[in-house]
């Protein structure tokens, strides 16, 4: 997304305006980080050689203050219009926002919110984020796999549960979604207020990336390097295509939709099956 897209048309968004808005977000909004292992999250990213952008966790009061700031600065996009969203990386401002108020409606535990923090910070690790769009499957897959790697430090080995991936928020609903079932690790979802397993759209991509990294241990270090060194993308492509020729590009062409990410996960599973049969 370009640098000015989130500002209303007719308003020329200057870097100085962004600096003022960023300063107010970082210094004037009421934080809600109590009980969260923010230090541990940032240390985890540092161990992977990934930078941690500023992170702001807000409660309902903070979200309202953010909305007021957005109107004041003509910042168009409301990242918290749906309580099922949870967080966002504001690329123009280089700031990650997480809505802790999300817990009150969906009832995931504290660990899930820490996972949202990791996911959004992972988005912020890519050099030149605001200047060039990344392929959605690879971008969301990397961010969610990083989230899971962090959560695996917090949890015992999860059991496998059959789950419908399309149980994402209503903002991602798709009437034409194919009813395909995969066995997903429970770690990719959370229990909602009705104790039902719920999975966001990024879970399909994250699990797909995890499978590829298990298949080829060289892939994950290449993915991390590619966040800061664009030339390392050639390594990523090579390692992915070692599983199946052309697989990287096939996944890179997928749009950000539920059925596309489902199809991407299916393509990875088929590639894995073919690789096993050929071995």
Protein backbone atom coordinates (compact mmCIF):
# COMPACT_ATOMS: atom_id res chain seq x y z
CA UNK A 1 0.00 0.00 0.00
CA UNK A 2 1.35 3.42 -0.93
CA UNK A 3 2.39 6.00 1.60
CA UNK A 4 -0.63 8.28 1.18
CA UNK A 5 -3.45 5.79 0.74
CA UNK A 6 -4.66 5.91 4.33
CA UNK A 7 -5.10 9.67 4.29
CA UNK A 8 -8.29 11.21 2.88
CA UNK A 9 -8.24 12.42 -0.71
CA UNK A 10 -7.70 16.15 -0.98
CA UNK A 11 -5.38 16.18 2.02
CA UNK A 12 -1.70 16.17 1.19
CA UNK A 13 -0.06 13.87 3.70
CA UNK A 14 3.40 15.19 4.51
CA UNK A 15 6.01 13.26 6.49
CA UNK A 16 5.78 15.97 9.16
CA UNK A 17 2.10 15.11 9.70
CA UNK A 18 3.01 11.46 10.07
CA UNK A 19 5.70 12.32 12.62
CA UNK A 20 3.20 14.27 14.72
CA UNK A 21 0.60 11.51 14.53
CA UNK A 22 3.17 8.84 15.37
CA UNK A 23 4.44 10.87 18.33
CA UNK A 24 0.91 11.22 19.72
CA UNK A 25 0.19 7.51 19.26
CA UNK A 26 3.41 6.50 21.02
CA UNK A 27 3.29 9.06 23.82
CA UNK A 28 -0.30 10.17 24.45
CA UNK A 29 -2.53 7.12 24.10
CA UNK A 30 -3.37 5.10 27.24
CA UNK A 31 -1.54 1.77 27.03
CA UNK A 32 -2.95 -1.62 28.07
CA UNK A 33 0.15 -3.82 28.25
CA UNK A 34 -0.34 -5.08 31.80
CA UNK A 35 0.52 -8.77 32.14
CA UNK A 36 1.82 -9.13 28.58
CA UNK A 37 5.34 -10.41 27.98
CA UNK A 38 6.36 -7.57 25.66
CA UNK A 39 10.03 -7.89 26.57
CA UNK A 40 9.95 -11.60 25.78
CA UNK A 41 8.27 -10.94 22.43
CA UNK A 42 10.89 -8.43 21.36
CA UNK A 43 13.73 -10.64 22.62
CA UNK A 44 12.32 -13.50 20.55
CA UNK A 45 12.39 -11.37 17.38
CA UNK A 46 15.93 -10.20 18.20
CA UNK A 47 17.09 -13.83 18.46
CA UNK A 48 15.84 -14.35 14.90
CA UNK A 49 17.74 -11.29 13.70
CA UNK A 50 14.50 -9.38 13.10
CA UNK A 51 13.89 -5.76 14.16
CA UNK A 52 10.98 -4.94 16.47
CA UNK A 53 9.05 -1.82 15.52
CA UNK A 54 7.25 0.26 18.18
CA UNK A 55 4.24 -1.59 19.60
CA UNK A 56 1.18 0.01 21.17
CA UNK A 57 -1.42 -2.19 22.91
CA UNK A 58 -4.72 -0.42 23.53
CA UNK A 59 -7.92 -1.09 25.46
CA UNK A 60 -11.35 0.31 24.56
CA UNK A 61 -10.41 3.75 25.87
CA UNK A 62 -7.20 3.77 23.85
CA UNK A 63 -8.96 2.60 20.69
CA UNK A 64 -11.45 5.46 21.00
CA UNK A 65 -8.56 7.92 21.42
CA UNK A 66 -6.90 6.42 18.32
CA UNK A 67 -10.08 6.88 16.30
CA UNK A 68 -10.24 10.51 17.41
CA UNK A 69 -6.63 11.01 16.30
CA UNK A 70 -7.39 9.33 12.97
CA UNK A 71 -10.18 11.82 12.31
CA UNK A 72 -8.01 14.74 13.37
CA UNK A 73 -5.27 13.74 10.94
CA UNK A 74 -7.67 12.63 8.18
CA UNK A 75 -6.41 9.08 8.53
CA UNK A 76 -9.05 7.19 6.58
CA UNK A 77 -8.72 3.53 7.42
CA UNK A 78 -10.24 2.31 10.69
CA UNK A 79 -8.36 -0.83 11.69
CA UNK A 80 -10.70 -1.52 14.57
CA UNK A 81 -14.10 -1.29 12.89
CA UNK A 82 -14.51 -5.01 13.59
CA UNK A 83 -13.82 -6.44 17.05
CA UNK A 84 -12.75 -9.63 15.27
CA UNK A 85 -9.69 -8.03 13.72
CA UNK A 86 -7.29 -7.56 16.63
CA UNK A 87 -4.35 -5.57 15.28
CA UNK A 88 -2.52 -3.87 12.42
CA UNK A 89 0.88 -2.68 11.30
CA UNK A 90 0.58 0.97 10.23
CA UNK A 91 3.25 0.98 7.56
CA UNK A 92 3.31 4.73 6.93
CA UNK A 93 3.95 5.36 10.63
CA UNK A 94 6.13 2.30 11.28
CA UNK A 95 4.00 1.42 14.32
CA UNK A 96 2.19 -1.78 15.33
CA UNK A 97 -1.20 -1.47 17.02
CA UNK A 98 -2.99 -4.24 18.92
CA UNK A 99 -6.55 -3.90 20.21
CA UNK A 100 -6.74 -5.66 23.56
CA UNK A 101 -10.44 -4.86 23.71
CA UNK A 102 -10.76 -7.72 21.20
CA UNK A 103 -10.46 -10.11 24.15
CA UNK A 104 -13.65 -8.82 25.74
CA UNK A 105 -15.71 -9.86 22.73
CA UNK A 106 -13.99 -13.04 21.56
CA UNK A 107 -12.59 -14.32 24.87
CA UNK A 108 -9.18 -15.63 23.78
CA UNK A 109 -6.61 -15.78 26.56
CA UNK A 110 -3.67 -13.45 27.21
CA UNK A 111 -1.38 -15.74 25.24
CA UNK A 112 -3.47 -15.23 22.11
CA UNK A 113 -3.11 -11.43 22.40
CA UNK A 114 0.66 -11.88 22.74
CA UNK A 115 0.46 -13.91 19.55
CA UNK A 116 -1.34 -11.04 17.80
CA UNK A 117 1.48 -8.74 18.95
CA UNK A 118 4.06 -11.10 17.41
CA UNK A 119 2.06 -11.38 14.17
CA UNK A 120 1.85 -7.61 13.68
CA UNK A 121 5.48 -7.05 14.68
CA UNK A 122 6.45 -9.73 12.16
CA UNK A 123 4.72 -7.69 9.43
CA UNK A 124 6.86 -4.75 10.49
CA UNK A 125 10.12 -6.64 9.95
CA UNK A 126 10.01 -6.33 6.17
CA UNK A 127 12.27 -3.62 4.75
CA UNK A 128 10.45 -1.18 2.46
CA UNK A 129 7.03 -2.40 3.61
CA UNK A 130 5.12 0.73 2.61
CA UNK A 131 6.77 1.01 -0.79
CA UNK A 132 6.05 -2.39 -2.27
CA UNK A 133 3.31 -4.96 -1.83
CA UNK A 134 4.42 -8.43 -0.77
CA UNK A 135 2.61 -11.55 -2.02
CA UNK A 136 -0.24 -12.00 0.53
CA UNK A 137 0.22 -15.72 1.08
CA UNK A 138 3.92 -15.34 1.86
CA UNK A 139 3.45 -12.19 3.96
CA UNK A 140 0.60 -13.56 6.08
CA UNK A 141 2.16 -17.01 6.20
CA UNK A 142 5.46 -15.67 7.54
CA UNK A 143 3.74 -13.48 10.15
CA UNK A 144 1.54 -16.28 11.43
CA UNK A 145 4.32 -18.87 11.46
CA UNK A 146 6.45 -16.45 13.52
CA UNK A 147 3.47 -16.11 15.88
CA UNK A 148 3.27 -19.88 16.25
CA UNK A 149 7.01 -20.26 16.83
CA UNK A 150 6.66 -17.80 19.72
CA UNK A 151 3.57 -19.52 21.14
CA UNK A 152 5.28 -22.91 20.98
CA UNK A 153 7.60 -21.62 23.66
CA UNK A 154 4.57 -21.02 25.85
CA UNK A 155 2.66 -24.25 25.22
CA UNK A 156 3.06 -27.98 25.39
CA UNK A 157 2.95 -29.85 22.09
CA UNK A 158 -0.64 -29.34 20.80
CA UNK A 159 -2.93 -32.11 19.67
CA UNK A 160 -4.19 -32.15 16.11
CA UNK A 161 -7.86 -31.27 15.66
CA UNK A 162 -10.03 -31.33 12.54
CA UNK A 163 -11.04 -27.73 11.89
CA UNK A 164 -12.77 -25.70 9.23
CA UNK A 165 -10.28 -22.99 8.28
CA UNK A 166 -13.05 -20.63 7.10
CA UNK A 167 -14.00 -19.72 10.66
CA UNK A 168 -12.35 -16.33 10.37
CA UNK A 169 -13.94 -12.98 11.19
CA UNK A 170 -16.98 -11.78 9.27
CA UNK A 171 -14.82 -9.19 7.49
CA UNK A 172 -13.22 -12.12 5.66
CA UNK A 173 -16.39 -14.06 4.85
CA UNK A 174 -16.77 -15.71 1.46
CA UNK A 175 -20.08 -17.11 0.20
CA UNK A 176 -18.34 -19.31 -2.38
CA UNK A 177 -15.84 -20.87 0.02
CA UNK A 178 -15.18 -24.56 -0.72
CA UNK A 179 -15.84 -26.86 2.22
CA UNK A 180 -12.43 -28.46 2.57
CA UNK A 181 -11.21 -29.86 5.88
CA UNK A 182 -7.61 -30.18 6.98
CA UNK A 183 -6.11 -31.25 10.25
CA UNK A 184 -4.63 -28.11 11.74
CA UNK A 185 -2.57 -27.88 14.91
CA UNK A 186 -4.78 -26.48 17.65
CA UNK A 187 -2.05 -23.89 18.30
CA UNK A 188 -3.19 -21.96 15.20
CA UNK A 189 -6.61 -21.20 16.66
CA UNK A 190 -8.22 -20.01 19.85
CA UNK A 191 -11.36 -20.87 21.79
CA UNK A 192 -14.10 -18.26 21.45
CA UNK A 193 -16.72 -17.33 24.07
CA UNK A 194 -18.65 -20.51 23.15
CA UNK A 195 -15.54 -22.71 23.53
CA UNK A 196 -15.45 -23.35 19.78
CA UNK A 197 -12.17 -23.45 17.85
CA UNK A 198 -11.78 -20.38 15.63
CA UNK A 199 -9.07 -19.83 13.02
CA UNK A 200 -8.16 -16.59 11.27
CA UNK A 201 -7.51 -16.53 7.52
CA UNK A 202 -3.74 -16.29 8.06
CA UNK A 203 -3.72 -19.72 9.78
CA UNK A 204 -3.88 -21.51 6.43
CA UNK A 205 -0.85 -19.64 5.11
CA UNK A 206 1.02 -19.96 8.40
CA UNK A 207 0.52 -23.70 8.54
CA UNK A 208 1.58 -23.97 4.91
CA UNK A 209 4.80 -22.08 5.60
CA UNK A 210 5.43 -24.26 8.64
CA UNK A 211 5.07 -27.43 6.55
CA UNK A 212 7.53 -26.09 3.97
CA UNK A 213 10.03 -25.10 6.67
CA UNK A 214 9.81 -28.56 8.17
CA UNK A 215 10.38 -30.09 4.75
CA UNK A 216 13.36 -27.85 4.01
CA UNK A 217 15.19 -26.55 7.14
CA UNK A 218 17.08 -24.00 5.02
CA UNK A 219 13.85 -22.17 4.18
CA UNK A 220 13.17 -20.46 7.51
CA UNK A 221 16.60 -18.76 7.80
CA UNK A 222 16.17 -17.61 4.19
CA UNK A 223 12.73 -16.19 4.97
CA UNK A 224 14.15 -14.24 7.93
CA UNK A 225 17.04 -12.87 5.84
CA UNK A 226 14.66 -11.83 3.08
CA UNK A 227 12.81 -9.49 5.47
CA UNK A 228 15.80 -7.14 5.58
CA UNK A 229 17.70 -8.17 2.45
CA UNK A 230 15.44 -8.24 -0.62
CA UNK A 231 18.13 -10.07 -2.62
CA UNK A 232 17.59 -13.04 -0.29
CA UNK A 233 14.18 -13.54 -1.91
CA UNK A 234 16.02 -15.53 -4.59
CA UNK A 235 17.10 -17.93 -1.82
CA UNK A 236 13.51 -18.26 -0.65
CA UNK A 237 12.28 -19.04 -4.14
CA UNK A 238 15.02 -21.62 -4.64
CA UNK A 239 14.33 -23.39 -1.35
CA UNK A 240 10.56 -23.49 -1.93
CA UNK A 241 10.94 -24.70 -5.50
CA UNK A 242 13.20 -27.50 -4.25
CA UNK A 243 10.01 -29.05 -2.84
CA UNK A 244 8.17 -28.62 -6.15
CA UNK A 245 9.29 -26.54 -9.16
CA UNK A 246 7.17 -23.40 -9.57
CA UNK A 247 5.57 -23.68 -6.12
CA UNK A 248 6.85 -20.33 -4.87
CA UNK A 249 5.31 -18.41 -7.77
CA UNK A 250 2.07 -20.38 -7.57
CA UNK A 251 1.63 -19.31 -3.95
CA UNK A 252 2.83 -15.76 -4.65
CA UNK A 253 0.02 -15.21 -7.15
CA UNK A 254 -2.73 -16.02 -4.63
CA UNK A 255 -4.96 -13.09 -3.55
CA UNK A 256 -5.82 -12.34 0.07
CA UNK A 257 -9.01 -14.40 0.30
CA UNK A 258 -10.05 -17.38 2.36
CA UNK A 259 -10.57 -19.74 -0.55
CA UNK A 260 -7.24 -18.72 -2.16
CA UNK A 261 -5.31 -19.39 1.06
CA UNK A 262 -7.15 -22.70 1.42
CA UNK A 263 -6.08 -23.61 -2.09
CA UNK A 264 -2.51 -22.57 -1.26
CA UNK A 265 -2.41 -24.88 1.74
CA UNK A 266 -3.82 -27.65 -0.43
CA UNK A 267 -1.10 -27.07 -3.03
CA UNK A 268 1.58 -27.40 -0.34
CA UNK A 269 0.05 -30.61 1.00
CA UNK A 270 -0.05 -32.07 -2.51
CA UNK A 271 3.55 -31.00 -3.15
CA UNK A 272 4.61 -32.65 0.10
CA UNK A 273 2.81 -35.85 -0.85
CA UNK A 274 4.47 -35.88 -4.27
CA UNK A 275 7.89 -35.28 -2.72
CA UNK A 276 7.41 -38.19 -0.31
CA UNK A 277 6.30 -40.50 -3.11
CA UNK A 278 9.29 -39.49 -5.23
CA UNK A 279 11.80 -40.07 -2.43
